[in-house]
Amino acid sequence: MYRTVYYAACITHPDTKKNDLDRFCIDCIRAFCYHCLPAHARHTYVKIRRYVYCEVINKQDLCKLFDCSGIQQGNADLDISEAQHEF
């Protein structure tokens, strides 16, 4: 999952819109696009999102699969100038 390339064009649906590889199937261990969703409907999968040029998984989605009690959620509203003073 970590080494998978996301947001590339799906090779199964090269000429369709919204063909970015933005989901990961836990059962098949591969990325897939929106149009591949019917083939993975009964599988366990997570939606991969883009945030500041990084691929991330929503904590709520991750908690459906794993125990996330030890994961600390970041504060996106923190002002950069405040963060510099804290360190």
N, C-alpha and C. Protein backbone atom coordinates (compact mmCIF):
# COMPACT_ATOMS: atom_id res chain seq x y z
N MET A 1 0.82 -1.19 0.00
CA MET A 1 0.00 0.00 0.00
C MET A 1 0.87 1.26 0.00
N TYR A 2 1.92 1.23 0.78
CA TYR A 2 2.79 2.39 0.91
C TYR A 2 3.51 2.71 -0.40
N ARG A 3 3.94 1.69 -1.12
CA ARG A 3 4.71 1.90 -2.35
C ARG A 3 3.84 2.01 -3.60
N THR A 4 2.55 1.93 -3.44
CA THR A 4 1.63 2.02 -4.57
C THR A 4 1.59 3.44 -5.11
N VAL A 5 1.54 3.57 -6.42
CA VAL A 5 1.42 4.88 -7.06
C VAL A 5 -0.06 5.21 -7.20
N TYR A 6 -0.46 6.35 -6.64
CA TYR A 6 -1.84 6.79 -6.70
C TYR A 6 -1.98 7.99 -7.62
N TYR A 7 -3.18 8.24 -8.06
CA TYR A 7 -3.55 9.37 -8.91
C TYR A 7 -2.90 9.30 -10.29
N ALA A 8 -2.48 8.12 -10.69
CA ALA A 8 -2.09 7.90 -12.09
C ALA A 8 -3.36 7.47 -12.83
N ALA A 9 -3.33 7.47 -14.15
CA ALA A 9 -4.49 7.06 -14.93
C ALA A 9 -4.66 5.54 -14.86
N CYS A 10 -5.89 5.11 -14.73
CA CYS A 10 -6.21 3.68 -14.69
C CYS A 10 -5.96 3.07 -16.07
N ILE A 11 -5.25 1.95 -16.12
CA ILE A 11 -4.96 1.33 -17.41
C ILE A 11 -6.19 0.60 -17.97
N THR A 12 -7.15 0.25 -17.12
CA THR A 12 -8.37 -0.41 -17.56
C THR A 12 -9.34 0.59 -18.20
N HIS A 13 -9.31 1.85 -17.72
CA HIS A 13 -10.22 2.90 -18.22
C HIS A 13 -9.42 4.13 -18.67
N PRO A 14 -8.58 4.00 -19.67
CA PRO A 14 -7.70 5.11 -20.05
C PRO A 14 -8.41 6.31 -20.67
N ASP A 15 -9.55 6.11 -21.29
CA ASP A 15 -10.22 7.19 -22.02
C ASP A 15 -11.45 7.75 -21.31
N THR A 16 -11.63 7.43 -20.03
CA THR A 16 -12.78 7.94 -19.30
C THR A 16 -12.34 9.01 -18.31
N LYS A 17 -13.29 9.88 -17.96
CA LYS A 17 -13.01 10.91 -16.96
C LYS A 17 -13.05 10.26 -15.58
N LYS A 18 -12.42 10.91 -14.62
CA LYS A 18 -12.34 10.42 -13.24
C LYS A 18 -11.73 9.02 -13.19
N ASN A 19 -10.64 8.83 -13.90
CA ASN A 19 -9.98 7.52 -13.94
C ASN A 19 -8.71 7.48 -13.08
N ASP A 20 -8.60 8.41 -12.12
CA ASP A 20 -7.44 8.42 -11.22
C ASP A 20 -7.50 7.23 -10.27
N LEU A 21 -6.35 6.65 -10.02
CA LEU A 21 -6.26 5.55 -9.06
C LEU A 21 -6.31 6.16 -7.65
N ASP A 22 -7.52 6.28 -7.12
CA ASP A 22 -7.70 6.97 -5.84
C ASP A 22 -8.35 6.10 -4.77
N ARG A 23 -8.30 4.80 -4.95
CA ARG A 23 -8.79 3.85 -3.95
C ARG A 23 -7.81 2.69 -3.87
N PHE A 24 -7.77 2.05 -2.71
CA PHE A 24 -6.88 0.90 -2.55
C PHE A 24 -7.68 -0.27 -2.02
N CYS A 25 -7.65 -1.38 -2.73
CA CYS A 25 -8.35 -2.59 -2.33
C CYS A 25 -7.45 -3.42 -1.42
N ILE A 26 -7.90 -3.63 -0.20
CA ILE A 26 -7.14 -4.42 0.76
C ILE A 26 -7.11 -5.89 0.33
N ASP A 27 -8.21 -6.39 -0.24
CA ASP A 27 -8.30 -7.79 -0.65
C ASP A 27 -7.41 -8.10 -1.86
N CYS A 28 -7.39 -7.21 -2.84
CA CYS A 28 -6.60 -7.43 -4.06
C CYS A 28 -5.18 -6.86 -3.96
N ILE A 29 -4.95 -6.02 -2.96
CA ILE A 29 -3.67 -5.34 -2.75
C ILE A 29 -3.27 -4.55 -4.00
N ARG A 30 -4.19 -3.68 -4.45
CA ARG A 30 -3.90 -2.83 -5.60
C ARG A 30 -4.80 -1.61 -5.61
N ALA A 31 -4.33 -0.58 -6.30
CA ALA A 31 -5.10 0.65 -6.45
C ALA A 31 -6.09 0.49 -7.60
N PHE A 32 -7.20 1.22 -7.51
CA PHE A 32 -8.18 1.19 -8.58
C PHE A 32 -8.91 2.52 -8.66
N CYS A 33 -9.64 2.73 -9.75
CA CYS A 33 -10.34 4.00 -9.98
C CYS A 33 -11.83 3.87 -9.70
N TYR A 34 -12.53 4.97 -9.84
CA TYR A 34 -13.98 5.03 -9.61
C TYR A 34 -14.73 4.04 -10.50
N HIS A 35 -14.30 3.87 -11.74
CA HIS A 35 -14.98 2.99 -12.69
C HIS A 35 -14.74 1.51 -12.39
N CYS A 36 -13.69 1.21 -11.64
CA CYS A 36 -13.41 -0.17 -11.23
C CYS A 36 -14.19 -0.56 -9.97
N LEU A 37 -14.88 0.39 -9.37
CA LEU A 37 -15.57 0.18 -8.10
C LEU A 37 -16.54 -1.01 -8.12
N PRO A 38 -17.34 -1.23 -9.17
CA PRO A 38 -18.24 -2.39 -9.16
C PRO A 38 -17.51 -3.73 -9.00
N ALA A 39 -16.31 -3.84 -9.53
CA ALA A 39 -15.54 -5.08 -9.42
C ALA A 39 -15.02 -5.30 -8.00
N HIS A 40 -14.94 -4.23 -7.20
CA HIS A 40 -14.43 -4.31 -5.84
C HIS A 40 -15.51 -4.02 -4.79
N ALA A 41 -16.75 -4.02 -5.20
CA ALA A 41 -17.86 -3.61 -4.32
C ALA A 41 -17.95 -4.44 -3.04
N ARG A 42 -17.64 -5.70 -3.11
CA ARG A 42 -17.72 -6.57 -1.93
C ARG A 42 -16.37 -6.73 -1.23
N HIS A 43 -15.38 -6.02 -1.71
CA HIS A 43 -14.04 -6.07 -1.12
C HIS A 43 -13.89 -4.99 -0.06
N THR A 44 -12.85 -5.10 0.73
CA THR A 44 -12.50 -4.07 1.70
C THR A 44 -11.55 -3.09 1.01
N TYR A 45 -11.93 -1.82 0.98
CA TYR A 45 -11.09 -0.82 0.32
C TYR A 45 -11.16 0.50 1.07
N VAL A 46 -10.18 1.36 0.80
CA VAL A 46 -10.15 2.70 1.39
C VAL A 46 -9.97 3.71 0.27
N LYS A 47 -10.51 4.89 0.51
CA LYS A 47 -10.36 6.02 -0.42
C LYS A 47 -9.07 6.75 -0.09
N ILE A 48 -8.25 6.97 -1.09
CA ILE A 48 -7.01 7.72 -0.93
C ILE A 48 -7.29 9.16 -1.35
N ARG A 49 -6.89 10.10 -0.52
CA ARG A 49 -7.15 11.51 -0.80
C ARG A 49 -5.84 12.26 -1.00
N ARG A 50 -5.92 13.39 -1.66
CA ARG A 50 -4.76 14.24 -1.86
C ARG A 50 -4.85 15.42 -0.90
N TYR A 51 -3.77 15.69 -0.19
CA TYR A 51 -3.71 16.83 0.72
C TYR A 51 -2.31 17.40 0.63
N VAL A 52 -2.18 18.60 0.11
CA VAL A 52 -0.91 19.30 -0.06
C VAL A 52 0.11 18.39 -0.74
N TYR A 53 -0.26 17.88 -1.90
CA TYR A 53 0.60 17.03 -2.73
C TYR A 53 1.01 15.72 -2.06
N CYS A 54 0.29 15.28 -1.06
CA CYS A 54 0.55 14.00 -0.40
C CYS A 54 -0.70 13.14 -0.45
N GLU A 55 -0.52 11.86 -0.52
CA GLU A 55 -1.64 10.94 -0.48
C GLU A 55 -1.92 10.59 0.98
N VAL A 56 -3.16 10.73 1.40
CA VAL A 56 -3.54 10.48 2.79
C VAL A 56 -4.81 9.65 2.83
N ILE A 57 -5.05 9.04 4.00
CA ILE A 57 -6.28 8.29 4.25
C ILE A 57 -7.01 8.98 5.38
N ASN A 58 -8.29 9.18 5.21
CA ASN A 58 -9.12 9.77 6.25
C ASN A 58 -9.08 8.87 7.49
N LYS A 59 -8.91 9.47 8.65
CA LYS A 59 -8.81 8.69 9.88
C LYS A 59 -10.07 7.85 10.13
N GLN A 60 -11.22 8.39 9.80
CA GLN A 60 -12.47 7.64 9.99
C GLN A 60 -12.50 6.40 9.12
N ASP A 61 -11.99 6.50 7.90
CA ASP A 61 -11.93 5.34 7.01
C ASP A 61 -10.95 4.30 7.54
N LEU A 62 -9.82 4.76 8.05
CA LEU A 62 -8.80 3.88 8.57
C LEU A 62 -9.27 3.15 9.83
N CYS A 63 -10.04 3.84 10.67
CA CYS A 63 -10.53 3.25 11.91
C CYS A 63 -11.54 2.13 11.68
N LYS A 64 -12.13 2.07 10.49
CA LYS A 64 -13.03 0.97 10.15
C LYS A 64 -12.25 -0.33 9.97
N LEU A 65 -10.94 -0.21 9.68
CA LEU A 65 -10.11 -1.38 9.41
C LEU A 65 -9.14 -1.72 10.53
N PHE A 66 -8.69 -0.69 11.26
CA PHE A 66 -7.65 -0.87 12.27
C PHE A 66 -8.03 -0.16 13.56
N ASP A 67 -7.36 -0.51 14.64
CA ASP A 67 -7.51 0.19 15.90
C ASP A 67 -6.70 1.49 15.82
N CYS A 68 -7.37 2.61 15.81
CA CYS A 68 -6.73 3.92 15.64
C CYS A 68 -6.66 4.70 16.95
N SER A 69 -6.81 4.05 18.06
CA SER A 69 -6.84 4.77 19.34
C SER A 69 -5.52 5.47 19.64
N GLY A 70 -4.42 5.02 19.09
CA GLY A 70 -3.12 5.63 19.36
C GLY A 70 -2.70 6.68 18.33
N ILE A 71 -3.56 6.96 17.35
CA ILE A 71 -3.23 7.93 16.32
C ILE A 71 -3.72 9.30 16.73
N GLN A 72 -2.82 10.27 16.72
CA GLN A 72 -3.16 11.64 17.08
C GLN A 72 -3.56 12.39 15.81
N GLN A 73 -4.67 13.09 15.87
CA GLN A 73 -5.14 13.85 14.72
C GLN A 73 -4.49 15.22 14.72
N GLY A 74 -4.03 15.67 13.57
CA GLY A 74 -3.38 16.97 13.45
C GLY A 74 -4.38 18.10 13.48
N ASN A 75 -3.89 19.32 13.68
CA ASN A 75 -4.73 20.50 13.70
C ASN A 75 -4.43 21.32 12.46
N ALA A 76 -5.31 21.27 11.47
CA ALA A 76 -5.09 21.99 10.22
C ALA A 76 -5.29 23.49 10.37
N ASP A 77 -5.95 23.92 11.45
CA ASP A 77 -6.24 25.33 11.65
C ASP A 77 -5.12 26.06 12.37
N LEU A 78 -4.06 25.38 12.70
CA LEU A 78 -2.95 25.99 13.43
C LEU A 78 -2.23 27.00 12.54
N ASP A 79 -2.06 28.20 13.04
CA ASP A 79 -1.37 29.24 12.29
C ASP A 79 0.13 28.93 12.26
N ILE A 80 0.78 29.10 11.11
CA ILE A 80 2.19 28.78 10.97
C ILE A 80 3.04 29.61 11.93
N SER A 81 2.70 30.89 12.11
CA SER A 81 3.48 31.74 13.02
C SER A 81 3.37 31.24 14.46
N GLU A 82 2.19 30.70 14.84
CA GLU A 82 2.03 30.13 16.19
C GLU A 82 2.84 28.86 16.33
N ALA A 83 2.89 28.07 15.28
CA ALA A 83 3.62 26.81 15.34
C ALA A 83 5.12 27.04 15.51
N GLN A 84 5.65 28.08 14.90
CA GLN A 84 7.08 28.36 15.00
C GLN A 84 7.45 28.76 16.43
N HIS A 85 6.56 29.45 17.13
CA HIS A 85 6.82 29.87 18.50
C HIS A 85 6.75 28.70 19.49
N GLU A 86 6.01 27.66 19.13
CA GLU A 86 5.86 26.52 20.02
C GLU A 86 7.13 25.68 20.06
N PHE A 87 7.91 25.71 18.99
CA PHE A 87 9.11 24.87 18.93
C PHE A 87 10.25 25.69 19.38
